[in-house]
């Protein structure tokens, strides 16, 4: 899909990957509808030519408002980039259920409903792309990030299903699996902190701009899955081919952090 003139709706767009995606799409001539909780930052990213729709995505009425305002302003939605998400660095066997539900409400249920609402618009025009930002942690469970990994595994399964469900409607679904992206993500986690070894080493580290370029190129070529950096494919392959060995290494890293 060529993005020139297309309407691109991005959640979590006030900073990080979302803001970088907005800039990458703007450079390609897309028309932007952007949503996030921080209204001040969101307006800065939207600029004079973008539509800023501030709100809390965990609220169903906000999700409906975002889609309704985008369609009212532009007449359609060509691309939805479901980017909003949060982390939770608490062991799954200890995590308060309230925190677990809060995590899944944003990382999965908000993404699901946004996909449903956008798909209803896209089906009328028989075209569109739904881009769901998961994580390499959605392909490989990280023991210091178990519930986050679980939510991102769910995103991968959801996107694969949407791709098959909506293919005959002309709608394509893309899964994005970034590694560690240099953003303010750690300052927005629901609870906990990453292990010190991860704070220091930050494997598969990339910038938000590099991640956004990979996402936009994926949209342009109708990719099935975008993994960035490309070396992430090696880690995912190792987990599939040598699961016990990878489990052992991750458990060692987790034990050192306890």
C-alpha atoms as a PDB file:
ATOM      1  CA  UNK A   1       0.000   0.000   0.000  1.00  0.00           C
ATOM      2  CA  UNK A   2       1.295   3.431  -0.934  1.00  0.00           C
ATOM      3  CA  UNK A   3       0.646   5.854   1.922  1.00  0.00           C
ATOM      4  CA  UNK A   4       0.371   9.094  -0.040  1.00  0.00           C
ATOM      5  CA  UNK A   5      -3.104  10.478   0.610  1.00  0.00           C
ATOM      6  CA  UNK A   6      -4.087   7.584   2.884  1.00  0.00           C
ATOM      7  CA  UNK A   7      -5.699   8.131   6.289  1.00  0.00           C
ATOM      8  CA  UNK A   8      -3.543   6.588   9.019  1.00  0.00           C
ATOM      9  CA  UNK A   9      -4.884   6.288  12.574  1.00  0.00           C
ATOM     10  CA  UNK A  10      -2.212   5.722  15.245  1.00  0.00           C
ATOM     11  CA  UNK A  11      -2.759   5.027  18.950  1.00  0.00           C
ATOM     12  CA  UNK A  12      -0.139   5.818  21.580  1.00  0.00           C
ATOM     13  CA  UNK A  13       1.068   8.560  19.251  1.00  0.00           C
ATOM     14  CA  UNK A  14       2.310  11.214  21.676  1.00  0.00           C
ATOM     15  CA  UNK A  15       5.857   9.822  21.910  1.00  0.00           C
ATOM     16  CA  UNK A  16       8.087   6.843  21.176  1.00  0.00           C
ATOM     17  CA  UNK A  17       7.154   4.439  18.391  1.00  0.00           C
ATOM     18  CA  UNK A  18       3.772   6.092  17.810  1.00  0.00           C
ATOM     19  CA  UNK A  19       5.222   9.564  17.315  1.00  0.00           C
ATOM     20  CA  UNK A  20       7.964   8.164  15.079  1.00  0.00           C
ATOM     21  CA  UNK A  21       5.338   6.329  12.989  1.00  0.00           C
ATOM     22  CA  UNK A  22       3.407   9.574  12.638  1.00  0.00           C
ATOM     23  CA  UNK A  23       6.491  11.327  11.271  1.00  0.00           C
ATOM     24  CA  UNK A  24       7.372   8.463   8.931  1.00  0.00           C
ATOM     25  CA  UNK A  25       3.808   8.410   7.558  1.00  0.00           C
ATOM     26  CA  UNK A  26       3.705  12.194   7.229  1.00  0.00           C
ATOM     27  CA  UNK A  27       6.867  12.134   5.127  1.00  0.00           C
ATOM     28  CA  UNK A  28       5.097   9.748   2.758  1.00  0.00           C
ATOM     29  CA  UNK A  29       2.125  12.054   2.367  1.00  0.00           C
ATOM     30  CA  UNK A  30      -0.340  10.310   4.674  1.00  0.00           C
ATOM     31  CA  UNK A  31      -3.152  12.112   6.475  1.00  0.00           C
ATOM     32  CA  UNK A  32      -2.895  11.529  10.219  1.00  0.00           C
ATOM     33  CA  UNK A  33      -5.342  10.893  13.052  1.00  0.00           C
ATOM     34  CA  UNK A  34      -3.477  10.495  16.332  1.00  0.00           C
ATOM     35  CA  UNK A  35      -4.556   9.427  19.795  1.00  0.00           C
ATOM     36  CA  UNK A  36      -2.893   9.313  23.232  1.00  0.00           C
ATOM     37  CA  UNK A  37      -3.578  10.393  26.792  1.00  0.00           C
ATOM     38  CA  UNK A  38      -1.064  13.268  26.901  1.00  0.00           C
ATOM     39  CA  UNK A  39      -2.886  16.042  25.063  1.00  0.00           C
ATOM     40  CA  UNK A  40       0.018  18.498  25.064  1.00  0.00           C
ATOM     41  CA  UNK A  41       2.505  16.069  23.517  1.00  0.00           C
ATOM     42  CA  UNK A  42      -0.139  14.728  21.156  1.00  0.00           C
ATOM     43  CA  UNK A  43      -0.869  18.190  19.763  1.00  0.00           C
ATOM     44  CA  UNK A  44       2.848  18.736  19.188  1.00  0.00           C
ATOM     45  CA  UNK A  45       3.118  15.506  17.189  1.00  0.00           C
ATOM     46  CA  UNK A  46      -0.084  16.188  15.241  1.00  0.00           C
ATOM     47  CA  UNK A  47       1.022  19.682  14.256  1.00  0.00           C
ATOM     48  CA  UNK A  48      -1.226  21.839  12.138  1.00  0.00           C
ATOM     49  CA  UNK A  49      -2.059  19.163   9.579  1.00  0.00           C
ATOM     50  CA  UNK A  50      -2.942  16.211  11.802  1.00  0.00           C
ATOM     51  CA  UNK A  51      -6.053  15.363  13.807  1.00  0.00           C
ATOM     52  CA  UNK A  52      -5.336  14.971  17.528  1.00  0.00           C
ATOM     53  CA  UNK A  53      -7.850  12.949  19.570  1.00  0.00           C
ATOM     54  CA  UNK A  54      -6.739  12.789  23.218  1.00  0.00           C
ATOM     55  CA  UNK A  55      -8.234  10.194  25.550  1.00  0.00           C
ATOM     56  CA  UNK A  56      -7.763   7.096  27.670  1.00  0.00           C
ATOM     57  CA  UNK A  57      -7.788   4.078  25.361  1.00  0.00           C
ATOM     58  CA  UNK A  58      -8.752   1.726  28.192  1.00  0.00           C
ATOM     59  CA  UNK A  59     -12.216   3.300  28.113  1.00  0.00           C
ATOM     60  CA  UNK A  60     -14.563   1.812  25.464  1.00  0.00           C
ATOM     61  CA  UNK A  61     -16.227   5.167  24.849  1.00  0.00           C
ATOM     62  CA  UNK A  62     -12.809   6.653  23.996  1.00  0.00           C
ATOM     63  CA  UNK A  63     -12.169   3.931  21.416  1.00  0.00           C
ATOM     64  CA  UNK A  64     -15.466   4.621  19.703  1.00  0.00           C
ATOM     65  CA  UNK A  65     -14.862   8.385  19.807  1.00  0.00           C
ATOM     66  CA  UNK A  66     -11.436   8.021  18.162  1.00  0.00           C
ATOM     67  CA  UNK A  67     -12.842   6.109  15.207  1.00  0.00           C
ATOM     68  CA  UNK A  68     -15.948   8.283  14.891  1.00  0.00           C
ATOM     69  CA  UNK A  69     -13.940  11.518  14.900  1.00  0.00           C
ATOM     70  CA  UNK A  70     -11.449  10.160  12.377  1.00  0.00           C
ATOM     71  CA  UNK A  71     -14.212   9.142   9.961  1.00  0.00           C
ATOM     72  CA  UNK A  72     -16.089  12.402  10.500  1.00  0.00           C
ATOM     73  CA  UNK A  73     -12.929  14.398   9.710  1.00  0.00           C
ATOM     74  CA  UNK A  74     -11.422  12.366   6.847  1.00  0.00           C
ATOM     75  CA  UNK A  75     -14.309  10.198   5.668  1.00  0.00           C
ATOM     76  CA  UNK A  76     -12.478   6.902   6.114  1.00  0.00           C
ATOM     77  CA  UNK A  77      -9.611   4.961   7.709  1.00  0.00           C
ATOM     78  CA  UNK A  78      -7.055   3.266   5.466  1.00  0.00           C
ATOM     79  CA  UNK A  79      -4.507   2.155   8.054  1.00  0.00           C
ATOM     80  CA  UNK A  80      -4.829   1.524  11.791  1.00  0.00           C
ATOM     81  CA  UNK A  81      -1.583   1.278  13.771  1.00  0.00           C
ATOM     82  CA  UNK A  82      -2.439  -0.180  17.175  1.00  0.00           C
ATOM     83  CA  UNK A  83       0.644   0.959  19.058  1.00  0.00           C
ATOM     84  CA  UNK A  84      -0.541   1.890  22.565  1.00  0.00           C
ATOM     85  CA  UNK A  85       0.654  -0.455  25.298  1.00  0.00           C
ATOM     86  CA  UNK A  86       2.229  -0.764  28.730  1.00  0.00           C
ATOM     87  CA  UNK A  87       4.530  -3.101  30.646  1.00  0.00           C
ATOM     88  CA  UNK A  88       4.370  -4.950  33.954  1.00  0.00           C
ATOM     89  CA  UNK A  89       7.562  -6.172  35.648  1.00  0.00           C
ATOM     90  CA  UNK A  90       5.906  -8.345  38.295  1.00  0.00           C
ATOM     91  CA  UNK A  91       6.152 -12.145  38.488  1.00  0.00           C
ATOM     92  CA  UNK A  92       2.985 -13.786  37.188  1.00  0.00           C
ATOM     93  CA  UNK A  93       2.564 -15.880  40.349  1.00  0.00           C
ATOM     94  CA  UNK A  94       2.644 -12.717  42.483  1.00  0.00           C
ATOM     95  CA  UNK A  95       0.974 -10.070  40.311  1.00  0.00           C
ATOM     96  CA  UNK A  96      -2.215  -8.518  41.716  1.00  0.00           C
ATOM     97  CA  UNK A  97      -5.139  -9.377  39.484  1.00  0.00           C
ATOM     98  CA  UNK A  98      -6.031  -5.693  39.200  1.00  0.00           C
ATOM     99  CA  UNK A  99      -2.646  -5.010  37.604  1.00  0.00           C
ATOM    100  CA  UNK A 100      -2.965  -8.015  35.283  1.00  0.00           C
ATOM    101  CA  UNK A 101      -6.392  -6.862  34.119  1.00  0.00           C
ATOM    102  CA  UNK A 102      -5.137  -3.302  33.625  1.00  0.00           C
ATOM    103  CA  UNK A 103      -2.324  -4.632  31.446  1.00  0.00           C
ATOM    104  CA  UNK A 104      -4.596  -6.756  29.265  1.00  0.00           C
ATOM    105  CA  UNK A 105      -7.203  -4.003  28.969  1.00  0.00           C
ATOM    106  CA  UNK A 106      -4.681  -1.768  27.213  1.00  0.00           C
ATOM    107  CA  UNK A 107      -2.406  -4.280  25.500  1.00  0.00           C
ATOM    108  CA  UNK A 108      -5.111  -6.601  24.198  1.00  0.00           C
ATOM    109  CA  UNK A 109      -8.741  -5.580  24.663  1.00  0.00           C
ATOM    110  CA  UNK A 110      -8.252  -1.983  23.521  1.00  0.00           C
ATOM    111  CA  UNK A 111      -6.391  -3.290  20.472  1.00  0.00           C
ATOM    112  CA  UNK A 112      -9.138  -5.818  19.777  1.00  0.00           C
ATOM    113  CA  UNK A 113     -11.934  -3.245  19.878  1.00  0.00           C
ATOM    114  CA  UNK A 114      -9.978  -0.701  17.841  1.00  0.00           C
ATOM    115  CA  UNK A 115      -9.439  -3.427  15.235  1.00  0.00           C
ATOM    116  CA  UNK A 116     -13.143  -4.253  15.235  1.00  0.00           C
ATOM    117  CA  UNK A 117     -14.186  -0.622  14.851  1.00  0.00           C
ATOM    118  CA  UNK A 118     -11.658   0.091  12.109  1.00  0.00           C
ATOM    119  CA  UNK A 119     -12.473  -3.142  10.276  1.00  0.00           C
ATOM    120  CA  UNK A 120     -16.132  -2.101  10.087  1.00  0.00           C
ATOM    121  CA  UNK A 121     -15.039   1.052   8.233  1.00  0.00           C
ATOM    122  CA  UNK A 122     -12.511  -0.736   6.024  1.00  0.00           C
ATOM    123  CA  UNK A 123     -14.954  -3.459   4.964  1.00  0.00           C
ATOM    124  CA  UNK A 124     -17.186  -0.837   3.368  1.00  0.00           C
ATOM    125  CA  UNK A 125     -14.329   0.263   1.092  1.00  0.00           C
ATOM    126  CA  UNK A 126     -12.972  -3.295   0.721  1.00  0.00           C
ATOM    127  CA  UNK A 127      -9.436  -2.238   1.591  1.00  0.00           C
ATOM    128  CA  UNK A 128      -7.232  -1.364   4.530  1.00  0.00           C
ATOM    129  CA  UNK A 129      -4.414  -2.438   6.806  1.00  0.00           C
ATOM    130  CA  UNK A 130      -4.512  -3.201  10.515  1.00  0.00           C
ATOM    131  CA  UNK A 131      -1.062  -3.051  12.129  1.00  0.00           C
ATOM    132  CA  UNK A 132      -0.756  -4.482  15.637  1.00  0.00           C
ATOM    133  CA  UNK A 133       2.417  -3.746  17.570  1.00  0.00           C
ATOM    134  CA  UNK A 134       3.361  -6.824  19.566  1.00  0.00           C
ATOM    135  CA  UNK A 135       6.951  -7.573  20.631  1.00  0.00           C
ATOM    136  CA  UNK A 136       9.683 -10.159  20.329  1.00  0.00           C
ATOM    137  CA  UNK A 137       8.452 -10.927  23.861  1.00  0.00           C
ATOM    138  CA  UNK A 138       5.228 -11.994  22.127  1.00  0.00           C
ATOM    139  CA  UNK A 139       7.143 -14.774  20.396  1.00  0.00           C
ATOM    140  CA  UNK A 140       9.533 -15.612  23.233  1.00  0.00           C
ATOM    141  CA  UNK A 141       8.323 -15.464  26.842  1.00  0.00           C
ATOM    142  CA  UNK A 142      10.612 -13.437  29.117  1.00  0.00           C
ATOM    143  CA  UNK A 143      10.393 -14.612  32.767  1.00  0.00           C
ATOM    144  CA  UNK A 144      10.837 -11.093  34.177  1.00  0.00           C
ATOM    145  CA  UNK A 145       8.047  -9.941  31.873  1.00  0.00           C
ATOM    146  CA  UNK A 146       5.687 -12.944  31.856  1.00  0.00           C
ATOM    147  CA  UNK A 147       2.320 -11.194  31.803  1.00  0.00           C
ATOM    148  CA  UNK A 148       3.509  -8.646  29.255  1.00  0.00           C
ATOM    149  CA  UNK A 149       4.713 -11.543  27.107  1.00  0.00           C
ATOM    150  CA  UNK A 150       1.330 -13.244  27.538  1.00  0.00           C
ATOM    151  CA  UNK A 151      -0.496 -10.114  26.373  1.00  0.00           C
ATOM    152  CA  UNK A 152       1.784  -9.794  23.362  1.00  0.00           C
ATOM    153  CA  UNK A 153       1.418 -13.508  22.519  1.00  0.00           C
ATOM    154  CA  UNK A 154      -2.324 -12.801  22.451  1.00  0.00           C
ATOM    155  CA  UNK A 155      -1.718  -9.898  20.061  1.00  0.00           C
ATOM    156  CA  UNK A 156       0.197 -12.183  17.690  1.00  0.00           C
ATOM    157  CA  UNK A 157      -2.634 -14.748  17.699  1.00  0.00           C
ATOM    158  CA  UNK A 158      -5.258 -12.017  17.226  1.00  0.00           C
ATOM    159  CA  UNK A 159      -3.433 -10.532  14.250  1.00  0.00           C
ATOM    160  CA  UNK A 160      -2.939 -13.902  12.567  1.00  0.00           C
ATOM    161  CA  UNK A 161      -6.653 -14.576  12.946  1.00  0.00           C
ATOM    162  CA  UNK A 162      -7.687 -11.154  11.650  1.00  0.00           C
ATOM    163  CA  UNK A 163      -5.497 -11.655   8.595  1.00  0.00           C
ATOM    164  CA  UNK A 164      -7.391 -14.806   7.674  1.00  0.00           C
ATOM    165  CA  UNK A 165     -10.833 -13.531   8.691  1.00  0.00           C
ATOM    166  CA  UNK A 166     -10.592 -10.294   6.715  1.00  0.00           C
ATOM    167  CA  UNK A 167      -8.593 -11.353   3.659  1.00  0.00           C
ATOM    168  CA  UNK A 168     -11.671 -11.622   1.414  1.00  0.00           C
ATOM    169  CA  UNK A 169     -12.715  -8.138   2.546  1.00  0.00           C
ATOM    170  CA  UNK A 170      -9.472  -6.721   1.155  1.00  0.00           C
ATOM    171  CA  UNK A 171      -8.072  -6.002   4.619  1.00  0.00           C
ATOM    172  CA  UNK A 172      -4.534  -7.010   5.530  1.00  0.00           C
ATOM    173  CA  UNK A 173      -3.244  -7.490   9.101  1.00  0.00           C
ATOM    174  CA  UNK A 174       0.403  -7.076  10.109  1.00  0.00           C
ATOM    175  CA  UNK A 175       2.125  -8.172  13.315  1.00  0.00           C
ATOM    176  CA  UNK A 176       5.054  -6.025  14.473  1.00  0.00           C
ATOM    177  CA  UNK A 177       7.628  -7.562  16.822  1.00  0.00           C
ATOM    178  CA  UNK A 178      10.250  -5.028  17.927  1.00  0.00           C
ATOM    179  CA  UNK A 179      13.139  -5.727  20.254  1.00  0.00           C
ATOM    180  CA  UNK A 180      14.170  -3.153  22.865  1.00  0.00           C
ATOM    181  CA  UNK A 181      13.180   0.268  21.539  1.00  0.00           C
ATOM    182  CA  UNK A 182      14.733   3.414  23.026  1.00  0.00           C
ATOM    183  CA  UNK A 183      11.612   5.204  24.262  1.00  0.00           C
ATOM    184  CA  UNK A 184      10.039   6.317  27.529  1.00  0.00           C
ATOM    185  CA  UNK A 185       8.363   2.898  27.829  1.00  0.00           C
ATOM    186  CA  UNK A 186      10.052   2.091  31.153  1.00  0.00           C
ATOM    187  CA  UNK A 187       8.656   5.245  32.764  1.00  0.00           C
ATOM    188  CA  UNK A 188       5.081   4.193  31.903  1.00  0.00           C
ATOM    189  CA  UNK A 189       5.052   0.623  33.221  1.00  0.00           C
ATOM    190  CA  UNK A 190       2.196  -0.353  35.496  1.00  0.00           C
ATOM    191  CA  UNK A 191       4.557  -1.671  38.179  1.00  0.00           C
ATOM    192  CA  UNK A 192       8.052  -3.046  38.740  1.00  0.00           C
ATOM    193  CA  UNK A 193      11.406  -2.544  37.072  1.00  0.00           C
ATOM    194  CA  UNK A 194      13.369  -4.613  34.542  1.00  0.00           C
ATOM    195  CA  UNK A 195      16.310  -6.716  35.786  1.00  0.00           C
ATOM    196  CA  UNK A 196      19.528  -4.751  36.110  1.00  0.00           C
ATOM    197  CA  UNK A 197      21.221  -6.948  33.513  1.00  0.00           C
ATOM    198  CA  UNK A 198      18.557  -5.944  30.988  1.00  0.00           C
ATOM    199  CA  UNK A 199      18.857  -2.265  31.871  1.00  0.00           C
ATOM    200  CA  UNK A 200      22.575  -2.458  31.183  1.00  0.00           C
ATOM    201  CA  UNK A 201      22.750  -4.701  28.129  1.00  0.00           C
ATOM    202  CA  UNK A 202      19.452  -3.969  26.340  1.00  0.00           C
ATOM    203  CA  UNK A 203      19.863  -6.588  23.603  1.00  0.00           C
ATOM    204  CA  UNK A 204      18.234  -6.034  20.198  1.00  0.00           C
ATOM    205  CA  UNK A 205      18.262  -2.308  20.919  1.00  0.00           C
ATOM    206  CA  UNK A 206      16.950   0.085  18.251  1.00  0.00           C
ATOM    207  CA  UNK A 207      15.666   3.635  18.021  1.00  0.00           C
ATOM    208  CA  UNK A 208      11.991   4.526  17.713  1.00  0.00           C
ATOM    209  CA  UNK A 209      12.716   6.017  14.288  1.00  0.00           C
ATOM    210  CA  UNK A 210      14.277   2.785  13.036  1.00  0.00           C
ATOM    211  CA  UNK A 211      11.312   0.811  14.362  1.00  0.00           C
ATOM    212  CA  UNK A 212       8.856   3.182  12.690  1.00  0.00           C
ATOM    213  CA  UNK A 213      10.626   2.905   9.332  1.00  0.00           C
ATOM    214  CA  UNK A 214      10.420  -0.887   9.561  1.00  0.00           C
ATOM    215  CA  UNK A 215       6.689  -0.644  10.322  1.00  0.00           C
ATOM    216  CA  UNK A 216       5.967   1.719   7.449  1.00  0.00           C
ATOM    217  CA  UNK A 217       7.976  -0.368   5.005  1.00  0.00           C
ATOM    218  CA  UNK A 218       5.978  -3.368   6.200  1.00  0.00           C
ATOM    219  CA  UNK A 219       2.747  -1.544   5.389  1.00  0.00           C
ATOM    220  CA  UNK A 220       4.024  -0.575   1.960  1.00  0.00           C
ATOM    221  CA  UNK A 221       4.942  -4.154   1.046  1.00  0.00           C
ATOM    222  CA  UNK A 222       1.959  -5.843   2.760  1.00  0.00           C
ATOM    223  CA  UNK A 223       4.225  -7.791   5.106  1.00  0.00           C
ATOM    224  CA  UNK A 224       2.814 -10.536   7.284  1.00  0.00           C
ATOM    225  CA  UNK A 225       5.207  -9.987  10.187  1.00  0.00           C
ATOM    226  CA  UNK A 226       7.720  -7.210  10.836  1.00  0.00           C
ATOM    227  CA  UNK A 227      10.603  -8.087  13.161  1.00  0.00           C
ATOM    228  CA  UNK A 228      13.021  -5.309  14.009  1.00  0.00           C
ATOM    229  CA  UNK A 229      15.963  -5.487  14.286  1.00  0.00           C
ATOM    230  CA  UNK A 230      16.283  -8.329  11.791  1.00  0.00           C
ATOM    231  CA  UNK A 231      18.529 -10.179  14.258  1.00  0.00           C
ATOM    232  CA  UNK A 232      15.378 -10.778  16.305  1.00  0.00           C
ATOM    233  CA  UNK A 233      14.483 -13.516  13.814  1.00  0.00           C
ATOM    234  CA  UNK A 234      17.549 -15.459  15.013  1.00  0.00           C
ATOM    235  CA  UNK A 235      16.435 -15.314  18.641  1.00  0.00           C
ATOM    236  CA  UNK A 236      12.928 -16.401  17.697  1.00  0.00           C
ATOM    237  CA  UNK A 237      14.324 -19.269  15.605  1.00  0.00           C
ATOM    238  CA  UNK A 238      16.555 -20.377  18.468  1.00  0.00           C
ATOM    239  CA  UNK A 239      13.576 -20.450  20.832  1.00  0.00           C
ATOM    240  CA  UNK A 240      11.683 -22.667  18.390  1.00  0.00           C
ATOM    241  CA  UNK A 241      14.560 -25.023  17.593  1.00  0.00           C
ATOM    242  CA  UNK A 242      16.212 -25.194  21.029  1.00  0.00           C
ATOM    243  CA  UNK A 243      13.472 -24.320  23.532  1.00  0.00           C
ATOM    244  CA  UNK A 244      15.088 -25.988  26.559  1.00  0.00           C
ATOM    245  CA  UNK A 245      18.400 -24.227  25.962  1.00  0.00           C
ATOM    246  CA  UNK A 246      16.738 -20.834  25.599  1.00  0.00           C
ATOM    247  CA  UNK A 247      14.597 -21.464  28.697  1.00  0.00           C
ATOM    248  CA  UNK A 248      17.752 -22.337  30.649  1.00  0.00           C
ATOM    249  CA  UNK A 249      19.517 -19.150  29.585  1.00  0.00           C
ATOM    250  CA  UNK A 250      16.526 -16.927  30.350  1.00  0.00           C
ATOM    251  CA  UNK A 251      15.986 -18.609  33.733  1.00  0.00           C
ATOM    252  CA  UNK A 252      19.641 -17.962  34.605  1.00  0.00           C
ATOM    253  CA  UNK A 253      19.237 -14.280  33.743  1.00  0.00           C
ATOM    254  CA  UNK A 254      16.026 -14.110  35.771  1.00  0.00           C
ATOM    255  CA  UNK A 255      17.583 -15.847  38.800  1.00  0.00           C
ATOM    256  CA  UNK A 256      20.502 -13.404  38.849  1.00  0.00           C
ATOM    257  CA  UNK A 257      18.045 -10.528  38.963  1.00  0.00           C
ATOM    258  CA  UNK A 258      16.029 -11.824  41.932  1.00  0.00           C
END
